[in-house]
Amino acid sequence: MHILKHLLLGGKFMRTTINIDDALLDKAAKLTGIGEKTSLVRLALEALIAQESARRLAKLGGTEKKLKMIPRRKATGA
């Protein structure tokens, strides 16, 4: 099990210790080509945040009933 001691969060470094499954970390490193553990964990956290943000945004789709139609530009004929 790997113990990671540095984590980048919000542009500031925060010293922390986490336990990560060796096989999971090795697989992620091989798939991404990123060998540096801090960078790998940062990338994983960014991906998780993006995924969750997209899920929440999709969940909101069509829920604003009083929203007026947004004007769109008409396509010009080619």
Protein backbone atom coordinates (compact mmCIF):
# COMPACT_ATOMS: atom_id res chain seq x y z
CA MET A 1 0.00 0.00 0.00
CA HIS A 2 1.38 3.42 -0.97
CA ILE A 3 1.33 6.33 1.43
CA LEU A 4 1.09 9.71 -0.26
CA LYS A 5 2.30 12.67 1.75
CA HIS A 6 1.61 15.68 -0.48
CA LEU A 7 -1.61 16.69 -2.16
CA LEU A 8 -2.30 19.78 -4.28
CA LEU A 9 -5.64 21.30 -3.35
CA GLY A 10 -6.94 24.65 -4.54
CA GLY A 11 -3.49 25.85 -5.57
CA LYS A 12 -2.09 25.27 -2.10
CA PHE A 13 -0.09 22.31 -0.91
CA MET A 14 -1.49 20.44 2.03
CA ARG A 15 0.53 17.71 3.68
CA THR A 16 -1.56 14.59 4.12
CA THR A 17 -1.21 10.84 4.32
CA ILE A 18 -3.52 8.49 2.46
CA ASN A 19 -3.50 4.75 1.85
CA ILE A 20 -3.85 3.74 -1.79
CA ASP A 21 -4.17 0.21 -3.12
CA ASP A 22 -0.90 -0.65 -4.92
CA ALA A 23 -2.63 -2.38 -7.82
CA LEU A 24 -4.99 0.55 -8.35
CA LEU A 25 -2.16 3.08 -8.29
CA ASP A 26 0.01 0.97 -10.64
CA LYS A 27 -2.84 0.52 -13.11
CA ALA A 28 -3.60 4.25 -13.13
CA ALA A 29 0.09 5.04 -13.64
CA LYS A 30 0.34 2.62 -16.58
CA LEU A 31 -2.85 3.90 -18.21
CA THR A 32 -1.90 7.56 -17.91
CA GLY A 33 1.88 7.33 -18.20
CA ILE A 34 2.13 9.45 -15.04
CA GLY A 35 4.62 7.97 -12.60
CA GLU A 36 4.68 10.78 -10.05
CA LYS A 37 2.13 9.95 -7.35
CA THR A 38 1.11 13.50 -6.45
CA SER A 39 0.37 14.33 -10.09
CA LEU A 40 -1.54 11.10 -10.51
CA VAL A 41 -3.73 11.73 -7.47
CA ARG A 42 -4.30 15.36 -8.51
CA LEU A 43 -5.37 14.22 -11.99
CA ALA A 44 -7.71 11.64 -10.45
CA LEU A 45 -9.30 14.24 -8.18
CA GLU A 46 -9.73 16.66 -11.08
CA ALA A 47 -11.39 13.90 -13.15
CA LEU A 48 -13.69 13.00 -10.27
CA ILE A 49 -14.68 16.65 -9.81
CA ALA A 50 -15.36 17.05 -13.55
CA GLN A 51 -17.42 13.86 -13.65
CA GLU A 52 -19.51 14.81 -10.63
CA SER A 53 -19.99 18.39 -11.90
CA ALA A 54 -21.22 17.06 -15.26
CA ARG A 55 -23.57 14.62 -13.54
CA ARG A 56 -25.06 17.38 -11.40
CA LEU A 57 -25.41 19.71 -14.39
CA ALA A 58 -27.16 17.01 -16.42
CA LYS A 59 -29.48 16.36 -13.50
CA LEU A 60 -30.61 20.00 -13.67
CA GLY A 61 -31.46 19.73 -17.38
CA GLY A 62 -34.93 21.05 -18.13
CA THR A 63 -35.83 21.89 -14.55
CA GLU A 64 -36.08 25.70 -14.94
CA LYS A 65 -39.72 25.95 -16.07
CA LYS A 66 -39.90 29.79 -16.09
CA LEU A 67 -36.78 30.25 -18.22
CA LYS A 68 -37.47 32.24 -21.39
CA MET A 69 -36.23 30.88 -24.69
CA ILE A 70 -32.69 32.00 -25.42
CA PRO A 71 -32.42 33.88 -28.75
CA ARG A 72 -30.33 31.98 -31.28
CA ARG A 73 -28.67 33.24 -34.42
CA LYS A 74 -30.21 31.91 -37.58
CA ALA A 75 -27.92 29.81 -39.72
CA THR A 76 -27.01 31.48 -42.99
CA GLY A 77 -27.43 29.48 -46.18
CA ALA A 78 -24.22 28.39 -47.85
